[in-house]
Amino acid sequence: MDILYLMILCSASLAAVFLIIFIVNAKKGQFEDDESPAVRILFDSGEIKEKKNNGNKKDEEKKEENNKIEEKSE
């Protein structure tokens, strides 16, 4: 019977810890933006990479070479 009291105490403590963590993250704004991740998957991954590079010349040259190779193969 003593183990039952110990288990109840441990589970209640663990639940309280998770509740505190949830409240802290909710106040920090962790759960504010639910729509962006769902919409982000619809974009082409190449578009996202282009935005990250912002004018990196080496990457642009590689893309041009890849485009030329693709045009030749068609």
Protein backbone atom coordinates (compact mmCIF):
# COMPACT_ATOMS: atom_id res chain seq x y z
CA MET A 1 0.00 0.00 0.00
CA ASP A 2 2.93 2.31 0.65
CA ILE A 3 4.08 1.98 -2.95
CA LEU A 4 0.70 3.22 -4.13
CA TYR A 5 1.12 6.46 -2.19
CA LEU A 6 4.61 6.85 -3.61
CA MET A 7 3.37 6.32 -7.16
CA ILE A 8 0.55 8.85 -6.71
CA LEU A 9 3.01 11.39 -5.33
CA CYS A 10 5.45 10.80 -8.22
CA SER A 11 2.76 11.07 -10.89
CA ALA A 12 1.28 14.23 -9.39
CA SER A 13 4.77 15.77 -9.19
CA LEU A 14 5.52 14.86 -12.80
CA ALA A 15 2.19 16.30 -13.94
CA ALA A 16 2.92 19.54 -12.08
CA VAL A 17 6.35 19.79 -13.74
CA PHE A 18 4.85 19.32 -17.21
CA LEU A 19 2.16 21.90 -16.45
CA ILE A 20 4.77 24.44 -15.37
CA ILE A 21 6.86 23.80 -18.49
CA PHE A 22 3.77 24.23 -20.67
CA ILE A 23 2.79 27.51 -19.01
CA VAL A 24 6.30 28.93 -19.33
CA ASN A 25 6.50 28.03 -23.02
CA ALA A 26 3.02 29.40 -23.68
CA LYS A 27 4.00 32.73 -22.13
CA LYS A 28 7.16 32.85 -24.26
CA GLY A 29 5.02 32.49 -27.39
CA GLN A 30 6.07 28.99 -28.37
CA PHE A 31 2.56 28.10 -29.54
CA GLU A 32 1.69 31.38 -31.27
CA ASP A 33 2.38 30.46 -34.90
CA ASP A 34 0.59 27.25 -35.89
CA GLU A 35 -0.05 28.13 -39.52
CA SER A 36 3.47 28.77 -40.90
CA PRO A 37 4.81 25.20 -40.64
CA ALA A 38 1.75 23.86 -42.44
CA VAL A 39 2.10 26.40 -45.25
CA ARG A 40 5.89 26.14 -45.48
CA ILE A 41 5.69 22.55 -46.71
CA LEU A 42 3.77 23.72 -49.79
CA PHE A 43 6.70 25.79 -51.06
CA ASP A 44 9.45 24.29 -53.17
CA SER A 45 12.59 23.64 -51.12
CA GLY A 46 14.62 25.42 -53.81
CA GLU A 47 12.77 28.66 -53.14
CA ILE A 48 13.63 28.49 -49.47
CA LYS A 49 17.31 27.85 -50.20
CA GLU A 50 17.41 30.81 -52.59
CA LYS A 51 16.09 33.08 -49.88
CA LYS A 52 18.72 31.86 -47.43
CA ASN A 53 21.64 32.43 -49.82
CA ASN A 54 20.65 36.00 -50.80
CA GLY A 55 23.03 36.50 -53.70
CA ASN A 56 25.72 33.94 -53.11
CA LYS A 57 27.54 33.96 -56.48
CA LYS A 58 28.92 30.43 -56.31
CA ASP A 59 25.48 28.97 -55.75
CA GLU A 60 24.05 31.03 -58.59
CA GLU A 61 26.76 29.77 -60.93
CA LYS A 62 26.04 26.17 -59.93
CA LYS A 63 22.34 26.69 -60.55
CA GLU A 64 23.05 28.14 -63.99
CA GLU A 65 25.26 25.15 -64.83
CA ASN A 66 22.57 22.75 -63.66
CA ASN A 67 19.98 24.58 -65.76
CA LYS A 68 22.23 24.32 -68.82
CA ILE A 69 22.74 20.60 -68.23
CA GLU A 70 18.99 20.07 -67.86
CA GLU A 71 18.32 21.99 -71.09
CA LYS A 72 20.86 19.87 -72.98
CA SER A 73 19.38 16.63 -71.70
CA GLU A 74 15.91 17.57 -72.94
